[in-house]
PDB file of N, CA and C in Angstrom:
ATOM      1  N   MET A   1      20.870   8.700   2.554  1.00  0.00           N
ATOM      2  CA  MET A   1      19.871   8.165   1.653  1.00  0.00           C
ATOM      3  C   MET A   1      19.888   9.019   0.381  1.00  0.00           C
ATOM      4  N   PRO A   2      19.976   8.357  -0.758  1.00  0.00           N
ATOM      5  CA  PRO A   2      19.938   9.109  -2.021  1.00  0.00           C
ATOM      6  C   PRO A   2      18.618   9.874  -2.175  1.00  0.00           C
ATOM      7  N   THR A   3      18.691  10.973  -2.876  1.00  0.00           N
ATOM      8  CA  THR A   3      17.513  11.828  -3.064  1.00  0.00           C
ATOM      9  C   THR A   3      16.354  11.068  -3.705  1.00  0.00           C
ATOM     10  N   ALA A   4      16.655  10.226  -4.691  1.00  0.00           N
ATOM     11  CA  ALA A   4      15.589   9.465  -5.362  1.00  0.00           C
ATOM     12  C   ALA A   4      14.854   8.575  -4.364  1.00  0.00           C
ATOM     13  N   CYS A   5      15.585   7.934  -3.474  1.00  0.00           N
ATOM     14  CA  CYS A   5      14.949   7.067  -2.477  1.00  0.00           C
ATOM     15  C   CYS A   5      14.113   7.879  -1.498  1.00  0.00           C
ATOM     16  N   LEU A   6      14.591   9.055  -1.148  1.00  0.00           N
ATOM     17  CA  LEU A   6      13.829   9.927  -0.258  1.00  0.00           C
ATOM     18  C   LEU A   6      12.514  10.348  -0.918  1.00  0.00           C
ATOM     19  N   VAL A   7      12.581  10.719  -2.181  1.00  0.00           N
ATOM     20  CA  VAL A   7      11.379  11.138  -2.916  1.00  0.00           C
ATOM     21  C   VAL A   7      10.402   9.972  -3.053  1.00  0.00           C
ATOM     22  N   ILE A   8      10.910   8.803  -3.412  1.00  0.00           N
ATOM     23  CA  ILE A   8      10.053   7.619  -3.573  1.00  0.00           C
ATOM     24  C   ILE A   8       9.392   7.260  -2.250  1.00  0.00           C
ATOM     25  N   THR A   9      10.163   7.294  -1.171  1.00  0.00           N
ATOM     26  CA  THR A   9       9.616   6.941   0.140  1.00  0.00           C
ATOM     27  C   THR A   9       8.557   7.947   0.581  1.00  0.00           C
ATOM     28  N   CYS A  10       8.813   9.228   0.376  1.00  0.00           N
ATOM     29  CA  CYS A  10       7.814  10.255   0.732  1.00  0.00           C
ATOM     30  C   CYS A  10       6.539  10.090  -0.096  1.00  0.00           C
ATOM     31  N   ALA A  11       6.696   9.800  -1.377  1.00  0.00           N
ATOM     32  CA  ALA A  11       5.530   9.570  -2.235  1.00  0.00           C
ATOM     33  C   ALA A  11       4.752   8.346  -1.766  1.00  0.00           C
ATOM     34  N   ALA A  12       5.469   7.301  -1.370  1.00  0.00           N
ATOM     35  CA  ALA A  12       4.811   6.084  -0.891  1.00  0.00           C
ATOM     36  C   ALA A  12       4.054   6.348   0.403  1.00  0.00           C
ATOM     37  N   ILE A  13       4.659   7.105   1.304  1.00  0.00           N
ATOM     38  CA  ILE A  13       3.980   7.436   2.561  1.00  0.00           C
ATOM     39  C   ILE A  13       2.673   8.172   2.264  1.00  0.00           C
ATOM     40  N   ALA A  14       2.742   9.170   1.404  1.00  0.00           N
ATOM     41  CA  ALA A  14       1.544   9.944   1.061  1.00  0.00           C
ATOM     42  C   ALA A  14       0.492   9.069   0.386  1.00  0.00           C
ATOM     43  N   ALA A  15       0.919   8.221  -0.541  1.00  0.00           N
ATOM     44  CA  ALA A  15      -0.023   7.371  -1.275  1.00  0.00           C
ATOM     45  C   ALA A  15      -0.710   6.373  -0.352  1.00  0.00           C
ATOM     46  N   HIS A  16       0.070   5.690   0.482  1.00  0.00           N
ATOM     47  CA  HIS A  16      -0.512   4.670   1.359  1.00  0.00           C
ATOM     48  C   HIS A  16      -1.381   5.303   2.442  1.00  0.00           C
ATOM     49  N   ALA A  17      -0.953   6.436   2.976  1.00  0.00           N
ATOM     50  CA  ALA A  17      -1.777   7.129   3.970  1.00  0.00           C
ATOM     51  C   ALA A  17      -3.074   7.620   3.325  1.00  0.00           C
ATOM     52  N   GLY A  18      -2.977   8.122   2.112  1.00  0.00           N
ATOM     53  CA  GLY A  18      -4.164   8.616   1.417  1.00  0.00           C
ATOM     54  C   GLY A  18      -5.190   7.533   1.144  1.00  0.00           C
ATOM     55  N   ILE A  19      -4.732   6.382   0.681  1.00  0.00           N
ATOM     56  CA  ILE A  19      -5.680   5.306   0.391  1.00  0.00           C
ATOM     57  C   ILE A  19      -6.216   4.696   1.689  1.00  0.00           C
ATOM     58  N   ALA A  20      -5.429   4.743   2.764  1.00  0.00           N
ATOM     59  CA  ALA A  20      -5.929   4.277   4.062  1.00  0.00           C
ATOM     60  C   ALA A  20      -7.087   5.161   4.523  1.00  0.00           C
ATOM     61  N   VAL A  21      -6.951   6.462   4.343  1.00  0.00           N
ATOM     62  CA  VAL A  21      -8.031   7.389   4.703  1.00  0.00           C
ATOM     63  C   VAL A  21      -9.261   7.126   3.831  1.00  0.00           C
ATOM     64  N   ALA A  22      -9.045   6.913   2.542  1.00  0.00           N
ATOM     65  CA  ALA A  22     -10.176   6.609   1.644  1.00  0.00           C
ATOM     66  C   ALA A  22     -10.886   5.334   2.082  1.00  0.00           C
ATOM     67  N   ASP A  23     -10.119   4.335   2.515  1.00  0.00           N
ATOM     68  CA  ASP A  23     -10.723   3.102   3.024  1.00  0.00           C
ATOM     69  C   ASP A  23     -11.548   3.378   4.279  1.00  0.00           C
ATOM     70  N   LEU A  24     -10.977   4.145   5.201  1.00  0.00           N
ATOM     71  CA  LEU A  24     -11.687   4.441   6.452  1.00  0.00           C
ATOM     72  C   LEU A  24     -12.969   5.230   6.213  1.00  0.00           C
ATOM     73  N   LEU A  25     -12.920   6.133   5.258  1.00  0.00           N
ATOM     74  CA  LEU A  25     -14.100   6.941   4.941  1.00  0.00           C
ATOM     75  C   LEU A  25     -15.082   6.207   4.036  1.00  0.00           C
ATOM     76  N   LYS A  26     -14.700   4.998   3.627  1.00  0.00           N
ATOM     77  CA  LYS A  26     -15.519   4.184   2.728  1.00  0.00           C
ATOM     78  C   LYS A  26     -15.930   4.982   1.493  1.00  0.00           C
ATOM     79  N   ALA A  27     -14.915   5.511   0.837  1.00  0.00           N
ATOM     80  CA  ALA A  27     -15.136   6.276  -0.391  1.00  0.00           C
ATOM     81  C   ALA A  27     -15.864   5.411  -1.414  1.00  0.00           C
ATOM     82  N   ARG A  28     -16.665   6.042  -2.235  1.00  0.00           N
ATOM     83  CA  ARG A  28     -17.490   5.321  -3.207  1.00  0.00           C
ATOM     84  C   ARG A  28     -16.637   4.416  -4.099  1.00  0.00           C
ATOM     85  N   PHE A  29     -15.500   4.932  -4.596  1.00  0.00           N
ATOM     86  CA  PHE A  29     -14.666   4.122  -5.485  1.00  0.00           C
ATOM     87  C   PHE A  29     -14.059   2.936  -4.747  1.00  0.00           C
ATOM     88  N   VAL A  30     -13.775   3.093  -3.471  1.00  0.00           N
ATOM     89  CA  VAL A  30     -13.231   1.985  -2.677  1.00  0.00           C
ATOM     90  C   VAL A  30     -14.292   0.906  -2.507  1.00  0.00           C
ATOM     91  N   LEU A  31     -15.501   1.307  -2.154  1.00  0.00           N
ATOM     92  CA  LEU A  31     -16.588   0.338  -1.977  1.00  0.00           C
ATOM     93  C   LEU A  31     -16.893  -0.401  -3.274  1.00  0.00           C
ATOM     94  N   ALA A  32     -16.911   0.320  -4.386  1.00  0.00           N
ATOM     95  CA  ALA A  32     -17.218  -0.306  -5.674  1.00  0.00           C
ATOM     96  C   ALA A  32     -16.134  -1.306  -6.066  1.00  0.00           C
ATOM     97  N   ASN A  33     -14.882  -0.912  -5.940  1.00  0.00           N
ATOM     98  CA  ASN A  33     -13.791  -1.799  -6.321  1.00  0.00           C
ATOM     99  C   ASN A  33     -13.717  -3.006  -5.393  1.00  0.00           C
ATOM    100  N   SER A  34     -13.901  -2.786  -4.102  1.00  0.00           N
ATOM    101  CA  SER A  34     -13.859  -3.889  -3.140  1.00  0.00           C
ATOM    102  C   SER A  34     -14.950  -4.910  -3.429  1.00  0.00           C
ATOM    103  N   ALA A  35     -16.152  -4.428  -3.684  1.00  0.00           N
ATOM    104  CA  ALA A  35     -17.258  -5.337  -3.989  1.00  0.00           C
ATOM    105  C   ALA A  35     -16.981  -6.119  -5.263  1.00  0.00           C
ATOM    106  N   GLU A  36     -16.396  -5.446  -6.241  1.00  0.00           N
ATOM    107  CA  GLU A  36     -16.135  -6.098  -7.525  1.00  0.00           C
ATOM    108  C   GLU A  36     -15.122  -7.236  -7.403  1.00  0.00           C
ATOM    109  N   VAL A  37     -14.151  -7.090  -6.512  1.00  0.00           N
ATOM    110  CA  VAL A  37     -13.133  -8.141  -6.365  1.00  0.00           C
ATOM    111  C   VAL A  37     -13.453  -9.103  -5.227  1.00  0.00           C
ATOM    112  N   GLY A  38     -14.592  -8.922  -4.577  1.00  0.00           N
ATOM    113  CA  GLY A  38     -15.026  -9.865  -3.554  1.00  0.00           C
ATOM    114  C   GLY A  38     -14.514  -9.584  -2.155  1.00  0.00           C
ATOM    115  N   VAL A  39     -14.152  -8.349  -1.872  1.00  0.00           N
ATOM    116  CA  VAL A  39     -13.707  -7.971  -0.529  1.00  0.00           C
ATOM    117  C   VAL A  39     -14.894  -7.343   0.199  1.00  0.00           C
ATOM    118  N   PRO A  40     -15.322  -7.940   1.309  1.00  0.00           N
ATOM    119  CA  PRO A  40     -16.460  -7.378   2.039  1.00  0.00           C
ATOM    120  C   PRO A  40     -16.135  -5.993   2.616  1.00  0.00           C
ATOM    121  N   ALA A  41     -17.124  -5.137   2.682  1.00  0.00           N
ATOM    122  CA  ALA A  41     -16.934  -3.790   3.240  1.00  0.00           C
ATOM    123  C   ALA A  41     -16.479  -3.850   4.697  1.00  0.00           C
ATOM    124  N   SER A  42     -16.830  -4.916   5.393  1.00  0.00           N
ATOM    125  CA  SER A  42     -16.425  -5.050   6.799  1.00  0.00           C
ATOM    126  C   SER A  42     -14.911  -5.209   6.956  1.00  0.00           C
ATOM    127  N   TRP A  43     -14.222  -5.572   5.887  1.00  0.00           N
ATOM    128  CA  TRP A  43     -12.758  -5.700   5.936  1.00  0.00           C
ATOM    129  C   TRP A  43     -12.060  -4.356   5.824  1.00  0.00           C
ATOM    130  N   LEU A  44     -12.732  -3.338   5.311  1.00  0.00           N
ATOM    131  CA  LEU A  44     -12.077  -2.069   4.984  1.00  0.00           C
ATOM    132  C   LEU A  44     -11.352  -1.417   6.159  1.00  0.00           C
ATOM    133  N   PRO A  45     -11.922  -1.369   7.361  1.00  0.00           N
ATOM    134  CA  PRO A  45     -11.154  -0.765   8.459  1.00  0.00           C
ATOM    135  C   PRO A  45      -9.851  -1.516   8.754  1.00  0.00           C
ATOM    136  N   TRP A  46      -9.884  -2.826   8.630  1.00  0.00           N
ATOM    137  CA  TRP A  46      -8.673  -3.625   8.884  1.00  0.00           C
ATOM    138  C   TRP A  46      -7.643  -3.404   7.785  1.00  0.00           C
ATOM    139  N   LEU A  47      -8.100  -3.344   6.556  1.00  0.00           N
ATOM    140  CA  LEU A  47      -7.187  -3.082   5.443  1.00  0.00           C
ATOM    141  C   LEU A  47      -6.610  -1.677   5.549  1.00  0.00           C
ATOM    142  N   ALA A  48      -7.438  -0.727   5.957  1.00  0.00           N
ATOM    143  CA  ALA A  48      -6.957   0.647   6.158  1.00  0.00           C
ATOM    144  C   ALA A  48      -5.901   0.690   7.253  1.00  0.00           C
ATOM    145  N   ALA A  49      -6.114  -0.072   8.314  1.00  0.00           N
ATOM    146  CA  ALA A  49      -5.135  -0.103   9.408  1.00  0.00           C
ATOM    147  C   ALA A  49      -3.794  -0.653   8.931  1.00  0.00           C
ATOM    148  N   LEU A  50      -3.830  -1.681   8.083  1.00  0.00           N
ATOM    149  CA  LEU A  50      -2.583  -2.239   7.550  1.00  0.00           C
ATOM    150  C   LEU A  50      -1.859  -1.228   6.668  1.00  0.00           C
ATOM    151  N   LYS A  51      -2.612  -0.537   5.826  1.00  0.00           N
ATOM    152  CA  LYS A  51      -2.001   0.478   4.954  1.00  0.00           C
ATOM    153  C   LYS A  51      -1.426   1.623   5.782  1.00  0.00           C
ATOM    154  N   ALA A  52      -2.167   2.061   6.786  1.00  0.00           N
ATOM    155  CA  ALA A  52      -1.691   3.145   7.647  1.00  0.00           C
ATOM    156  C   ALA A  52      -0.457   2.714   8.440  1.00  0.00           C
ATOM    157  N   ALA A  53      -0.452   1.470   8.904  1.00  0.00           N
ATOM    158  CA  ALA A  53       0.725   0.965   9.616  1.00  0.00           C
ATOM    159  C   ALA A  53       1.936   0.934   8.696  1.00  0.00           C
ATOM    160  N   GLY A  54       1.723   0.544   7.447  1.00  0.00           N
ATOM    161  CA  GLY A  54       2.816   0.556   6.479  1.00  0.00           C
ATOM    162  C   GLY A  54       3.348   1.956   6.254  1.00  0.00           C
ATOM    163  N   ALA A  55       2.449   2.917   6.088  1.00  0.00           N
ATOM    164  CA  ALA A  55       2.871   4.310   5.900  1.00  0.00           C
ATOM    165  C   ALA A  55       3.608   4.817   7.135  1.00  0.00           C
ATOM    166  N   GLY A  56       3.101   4.477   8.299  1.00  0.00           N
ATOM    167  CA  GLY A  56       3.761   4.879   9.545  1.00  0.00           C
ATOM    168  C   GLY A  56       5.138   4.261   9.694  1.00  0.00           C
ATOM    169  N   GLY A  57       5.262   3.007   9.308  1.00  0.00           N
ATOM    170  CA  GLY A  57       6.559   2.342   9.362  1.00  0.00           C
ATOM    171  C   GLY A  57       7.563   2.971   8.416  1.00  0.00           C
ATOM    172  N   LEU A  58       7.105   3.349   7.234  1.00  0.00           N
ATOM    173  CA  LEU A  58       7.997   4.034   6.291  1.00  0.00           C
ATOM    174  C   LEU A  58       8.439   5.378   6.859  1.00  0.00           C
ATOM    175  N   LEU A  59       7.516   6.079   7.509  1.00  0.00           N
ATOM    176  CA  LEU A  59       7.858   7.363   8.123  1.00  0.00           C
ATOM    177  C   LEU A  59       8.879   7.175   9.245  1.00  0.00           C
ATOM    178  N   LEU A  60       8.668   6.171  10.078  1.00  0.00           N
ATOM    179  CA  LEU A  60       9.649   5.885  11.132  1.00  0.00           C
ATOM    180  C   LEU A  60      11.013   5.564  10.535  1.00  0.00           C
ATOM    181  N   GLY A  61      11.002   4.877   9.407  1.00  0.00           N
ATOM    182  CA  GLY A  61      12.260   4.585   8.727  1.00  0.00           C
ATOM    183  C   GLY A  61      12.983   5.844   8.298  1.00  0.00           C
ATOM    184  N   LEU A  62      12.234   6.818   7.809  1.00  0.00           N
ATOM    185  CA  LEU A  62      12.845   8.099   7.432  1.00  0.00           C
ATOM    186  C   LEU A  62      13.396   8.833   8.645  1.00  0.00           C
ATOM    187  N   LEU A  63      12.763   8.609   9.783  1.00  0.00           N
ATOM    188  CA  LEU A  63      13.182   9.295  11.006  1.00  0.00           C
ATOM    189  C   LEU A  63      14.322   8.579  11.723  1.00  0.00           C
ATOM    190  N   GLY A  64      14.834   7.502  11.122  1.00  0.00           N
ATOM    191  CA  GLY A  64      16.027   6.875  11.680  1.00  0.00           C
ATOM    192  C   GLY A  64      15.896   5.461  12.189  1.00  0.00           C
ATOM    193  N   VAL A  65      14.802   4.784  11.896  1.00  0.00           N
ATOM    194  CA  VAL A  65      14.640   3.393  12.326  1.00  0.00           C
ATOM    195  C   VAL A  65      14.614   2.521  11.069  1.00  0.00           C
ATOM    196  N   PRO A  66      15.789   2.211  10.512  1.00  0.00           N
ATOM    197  CA  PRO A  66      15.834   1.565   9.195  1.00  0.00           C
ATOM    198  C   PRO A  66      15.174   0.190   9.136  1.00  0.00           C
ATOM    199  N   TYR A  67      15.250  -0.591  10.208  1.00  0.00           N
ATOM    200  CA  TYR A  67      14.668  -1.931  10.151  1.00  0.00           C
ATOM    201  C   TYR A  67      13.144  -1.881  10.102  1.00  0.00           C
ATOM    202  N   ILE A  68      12.567  -0.864  10.727  1.00  0.00           N
ATOM    203  CA  ILE A  68      11.115  -0.687  10.645  1.00  0.00           C
ATOM    204  C   ILE A  68      10.723  -0.347   9.210  1.00  0.00           C
ATOM    205  N   ARG A  69      11.548   0.455   8.560  1.00  0.00           N
ATOM    206  CA  ARG A  69      11.284   0.815   7.154  1.00  0.00           C
ATOM    207  C   ARG A  69      11.280  -0.426   6.275  1.00  0.00           C
ATOM    208  N   VAL A  70      12.253  -1.305   6.480  1.00  0.00           N
ATOM    209  CA  VAL A  70      12.317  -2.548   5.699  1.00  0.00           C
ATOM    210  C   VAL A  70      11.089  -3.405   5.989  1.00  0.00           C
ATOM    211  N   ALA A  71      10.753  -3.557   7.263  1.00  0.00           N
ATOM    212  CA  ALA A  71       9.592  -4.373   7.633  1.00  0.00           C
ATOM    213  C   ALA A  71       8.304  -3.800   7.042  1.00  0.00           C
ATOM    214  N   ALA A  72       8.154  -2.485   7.091  1.00  0.00           N
ATOM    215  CA  ALA A  72       6.961  -1.847   6.528  1.00  0.00           C
ATOM    216  C   ALA A  72       6.898  -2.057   5.022  1.00  0.00           C
ATOM    217  N   ALA A  73       8.031  -1.910   4.357  1.00  0.00           N
ATOM    218  CA  ALA A  73       8.059  -2.099   2.904  1.00  0.00           C
ATOM    219  C   ALA A  73       7.724  -3.542   2.538  1.00  0.00           C
ATOM    220  N   VAL A  74       8.268  -4.501   3.278  1.00  0.00           N
ATOM    221  CA  VAL A  74       7.951  -5.917   3.026  1.00  0.00           C
ATOM    222  C   VAL A  74       6.457  -6.154   3.240  1.00  0.00           C
ATOM    223  N   GLY A  75       5.918  -5.622   4.322  1.00  0.00           N
ATOM    224  CA  GLY A  75       4.492  -5.781   4.595  1.00  0.00           C
ATOM    225  C   GLY A  75       3.621  -5.195   3.498  1.00  0.00           C
ATOM    226  N   LEU A  76       3.985  -4.019   3.011  1.00  0.00           N
ATOM    227  CA  LEU A  76       3.208  -3.394   1.936  1.00  0.00           C
ATOM    228  C   LEU A  76       3.321  -4.177   0.632  1.00  0.00           C
ATOM    229  N   VAL A  77       4.505  -4.693   0.336  1.00  0.00           N
ATOM    230  CA  VAL A  77       4.659  -5.524  -0.867  1.00  0.00           C
ATOM    231  C   VAL A  77       3.752  -6.747  -0.767  1.00  0.00           C
ATOM    232  N   LEU A  78       3.776  -7.419   0.365  1.00  0.00           N
ATOM    233  CA  LEU A  78       2.924  -8.603   0.536  1.00  0.00           C
ATOM    234  C   LEU A  78       1.440  -8.235   0.463  1.00  0.00           C
ATOM    235  N   PHE A  79       1.075  -7.115   1.057  1.00  0.00           N
ATOM    236  CA  PHE A  79      -0.313  -6.655   1.021  1.00  0.00           C
ATOM    237  C   PHE A  79      -0.782  -6.477  -0.417  1.00  0.00           C
ATOM    238  N   TYR A  80       0.023  -5.789  -1.213  1.00  0.00           N
ATOM    239  CA  TYR A  80      -0.405  -5.496  -2.585  1.00  0.00           C
ATOM    240  C   TYR A  80      -0.257  -6.694  -3.519  1.00  0.00           C
ATOM    241  N   VAL A  81       0.604  -7.636  -3.193  1.00  0.00           N
ATOM    242  CA  VAL A  81       0.601  -8.900  -3.937  1.00  0.00           C
ATOM    243  C   VAL A  81      -0.747  -9.588  -3.702  1.00  0.00           C
ATOM    244  N   GLY A  82      -1.208  -9.559  -2.459  1.00  0.00           N
ATOM    245  CA  GLY A  82      -2.526 -10.112  -2.149  1.00  0.00           C
ATOM    246  C   GLY A  82      -3.640  -9.398  -2.897  1.00  0.00           C
ATOM    247  N   ALA A  83      -3.550  -8.078  -2.997  1.00  0.00           N
ATOM    248  CA  ALA A  83      -4.556  -7.315  -3.743  1.00  0.00           C
ATOM    249  C   ALA A  83      -4.550  -7.709  -5.217  1.00  0.00           C
ATOM    250  N   MET A  84      -3.362  -7.910  -5.759  1.00  0.00           N
ATOM    251  CA  MET A  84      -3.264  -8.337  -7.161  1.00  0.00           C
ATOM    252  C   MET A  84      -3.898  -9.719  -7.336  1.00  0.00           C
ATOM    253  N   VAL A  85      -3.664 -10.600  -6.381  1.00  0.00           N
ATOM    254  CA  VAL A  85      -4.254 -11.942  -6.437  1.00  0.00           C
ATOM    255  C   VAL A  85      -5.780 -11.840  -6.433  1.00  0.00           C
ATOM    256  N   PHE A  86      -6.338 -10.982  -5.585  1.00  0.00           N
ATOM    257  CA  PHE A  86      -7.793 -10.805  -5.549  1.00  0.00           C
ATOM    258  C   PHE A  86      -8.317 -10.317  -6.892  1.00  0.00           C
ATOM    259  N   HIS A  87      -7.599  -9.397  -7.525  1.00  0.00           N
ATOM    260  CA  HIS A  87      -8.037  -8.894  -8.827  1.00  0.00           C
ATOM    261  C   HIS A  87      -7.987  -9.988  -9.898  1.00  0.00           C
ATOM    262  N   VAL A  88      -6.902 -10.734  -9.930  1.00  0.00           N
ATOM    263  CA  VAL A  88      -6.757 -11.790 -10.943  1.00  0.00           C
ATOM    264  C   VAL A  88      -7.769 -12.904 -10.691  1.00  0.00           C
ATOM    265  N   ARG A  89      -7.924 -13.288  -9.436  1.00  0.00           N
ATOM    266  CA  ARG A  89      -8.853 -14.363  -9.085  1.00  0.00           C
ATOM    267  C   ARG A  89     -10.278 -14.018  -9.495  1.00  0.00           C
ATOM    268  N   SER A  90     -10.651 -12.761  -9.344  1.00  0.00           N
ATOM    269  CA  SER A  90     -12.012 -12.350  -9.698  1.00  0.00           C
ATOM    270  C   SER A  90     -12.116 -11.828 -11.135  1.00  0.00           C
ATOM    271  N   ARG A  91     -10.999 -11.872 -11.850  1.00  0.00           N
ATOM    272  CA  ARG A  91     -10.928 -11.442 -13.258  1.00  0.00           C
ATOM    273  C   ARG A  91     -11.355  -9.980 -13.442  1.00  0.00           C
ATOM    274  N   VAL A  92     -10.946  -9.148 -12.516  1.00  0.00           N
ATOM    275  CA  VAL A  92     -11.215  -7.710 -12.605  1.00  0.00           C
ATOM    276  C   VAL A  92      -9.904  -7.047 -13.004  1.00  0.00           C
ATOM    277  N   TYR A  93      -9.760  -6.824 -14.303  1.00  0.00           N
ATOM    278  CA  TYR A  93      -8.501  -6.296 -14.826  1.00  0.00           C
ATOM    279  C   TYR A  93      -8.556  -4.797 -15.103  1.00  0.00           C
ATOM    280  N   ARG A  94      -9.735  -4.228 -15.179  1.00  0.00           N
ATOM    281  CA  ARG A  94      -9.811  -2.817 -15.542  1.00  0.00           C
ATOM    282  C   ARG A  94      -9.308  -1.908 -14.432  1.00  0.00           C
ATOM    283  N   THR A  95      -9.282  -2.379 -13.192  1.00  0.00           N
ATOM    284  CA  THR A  95      -8.769  -1.569 -12.080  1.00  0.00           C
ATOM    285  C   THR A  95      -7.500  -2.147 -11.464  1.00  0.00           C
ATOM    286  N   ILE A  96      -6.899  -3.119 -12.138  1.00  0.00           N
ATOM    287  CA  ILE A  96      -5.716  -3.774 -11.575  1.00  0.00           C
ATOM    288  C   ILE A  96      -4.504  -2.838 -11.531  1.00  0.00           C
ATOM    289  N   ALA A  97      -4.540  -1.765 -12.313  1.00  0.00           N
ATOM    290  CA  ALA A  97      -3.417  -0.814 -12.309  1.00  0.00           C
ATOM    291  C   ALA A  97      -3.261  -0.130 -10.950  1.00  0.00           C
ATOM    292  N   PHE A  98      -4.338   0.022 -10.222  1.00  0.00           N
ATOM    293  CA  PHE A  98      -4.238   0.702  -8.925  1.00  0.00           C
ATOM    294  C   PHE A  98      -3.433  -0.113  -7.920  1.00  0.00           C
ATOM    295  N   PRO A  99      -3.803  -1.364  -7.636  1.00  0.00           N
ATOM    296  CA  PRO A  99      -2.933  -2.117  -6.726  1.00  0.00           C
ATOM    297  C   PRO A  99      -1.559  -2.362  -7.341  1.00  0.00           C
ATOM    298  N   GLY A 100      -1.507  -2.455  -8.675  1.00  0.00           N
ATOM    299  CA  GLY A 100      -0.211  -2.620  -9.339  1.00  0.00           C
ATOM    300  C   GLY A 100       0.695  -1.426  -9.116  1.00  0.00           C
ATOM    301  N   GLY A 101       0.135  -0.235  -9.166  1.00  0.00           N
ATOM    302  CA  GLY A 101       0.916   0.976  -8.909  1.00  0.00           C
ATOM    303  C   GLY A 101       1.406   1.043  -7.473  1.00  0.00           C
ATOM    304  N   TYR A 102       0.520   0.723  -6.536  1.00  0.00           N
ATOM    305  CA  TYR A 102       0.925   0.702  -5.129  1.00  0.00           C
ATOM    306  C   TYR A 102       1.986  -0.376  -4.892  1.00  0.00           C
ATOM    307  N   LEU A 103       1.835  -1.506  -5.555  1.00  0.00           N
ATOM    308  CA  LEU A 103       2.840  -2.565  -5.447  1.00  0.00           C
ATOM    309  C   LEU A 103       4.179  -2.080  -5.990  1.00  0.00           C
ATOM    310  N   GLY A 104       4.163  -1.425  -7.136  1.00  0.00           N
ATOM    311  CA  GLY A 104       5.399  -0.921  -7.726  1.00  0.00           C
ATOM    312  C   GLY A 104       6.110   0.070  -6.823  1.00  0.00           C
ATOM    313  N   VAL A 105       5.357   0.990  -6.239  1.00  0.00           N
ATOM    314  CA  VAL A 105       5.948   1.966  -5.316  1.00  0.00           C
ATOM    315  C   VAL A 105       6.509   1.255  -4.086  1.00  0.00           C
ATOM    316  N   SER A 106       5.787   0.255  -3.590  1.00  0.00           N
ATOM    317  CA  SER A 106       6.245  -0.485  -2.414  1.00  0.00           C
ATOM    318  C   SER A 106       7.524  -1.260  -2.704  1.00  0.00           C
ATOM    319  N   VAL A 107       7.604  -1.861  -3.889  1.00  0.00           N
ATOM    320  CA  VAL A 107       8.825  -2.572  -4.283  1.00  0.00           C
ATOM    321  C   VAL A 107       9.987  -1.589  -4.394  1.00  0.00           C
ATOM    322  N   ALA A 108       9.737  -0.425  -4.973  1.00  0.00           N
ATOM    323  CA  ALA A 108      10.797   0.585  -5.099  1.00  0.00           C
ATOM    324  C   ALA A 108      11.312   1.013  -3.728  1.00  0.00           C
ATOM    325  N   VAL A 109      10.406   1.211  -2.782  1.00  0.00           N
ATOM    326  CA  VAL A 109      10.822   1.581  -1.425  1.00  0.00           C
ATOM    327  C   VAL A 109      11.615   0.443  -0.789  1.00  0.00           C
ATOM    328  N   LEU A 110      11.176  -0.786  -1.004  1.00  0.00           N
ATOM    329  CA  LEU A 110      11.902  -1.928  -0.452  1.00  0.00           C
ATOM    330  C   LEU A 110      13.312  -2.007  -1.022  1.00  0.00           C
ATOM    331  N   VAL A 111      13.446  -1.806  -2.315  1.00  0.00           N
ATOM    332  CA  VAL A 111      14.776  -1.816  -2.941  1.00  0.00           C
ATOM    333  C   VAL A 111      15.647  -0.727  -2.320  1.00  0.00           C
ATOM    334  N   CYS A 112      15.091   0.457  -2.146  1.00  0.00           N
ATOM    335  CA  CYS A 112      15.845   1.543  -1.512  1.00  0.00           C
ATOM    336  C   CYS A 112      16.213   1.195  -0.069  1.00  0.00           C
ATOM    337  N   ALA A 113      15.302   0.545   0.627  1.00  0.00           N
ATOM    338  CA  ALA A 113      15.526   0.243   2.042  1.00  0.00           C
ATOM    339  C   ALA A 113      16.627  -0.787   2.251  1.00  0.00           C
ATOM    340  N   VAL A 114      16.763  -1.715   1.332  1.00  0.00           N
ATOM    341  CA  VAL A 114      17.780  -2.761   1.513  1.00  0.00           C
ATOM    342  C   VAL A 114      19.075  -2.454   0.776  1.00  0.00           C
ATOM    343  N   ALA A 115      19.074  -1.416  -0.041  1.00  0.00           N
ATOM    344  CA  ALA A 115      20.285  -1.077  -0.809  1.00  0.00           C
ATOM    345  C   ALA A 115      21.309  -0.372   0.056  1.00  0.00           C
TER     346      ALA A 115
END
């Protein structure tokens, strides 16, 4: 695996795991952003589980299970496309960079995983 892909994947694991923890802890910024885009607080544990599963899948990919890495990257891309849709649908553009950034990192990992 090229060094750039290793760095991107490690950064993605840290980012997705970090935001999953923030979701589980119901951080103030998570609650505010979720409410603004119409995501009920009751969804947060489920969304956190999906993010954590994605981070775990990327980690397993680094440890030698490449197909899990691809599946995790695809899942994270789809997850963050959905987040972008929620932002656009609710016309909340001031915080759209956050799911956009996570989407970008997820796409980069997916490109590395299939290359």
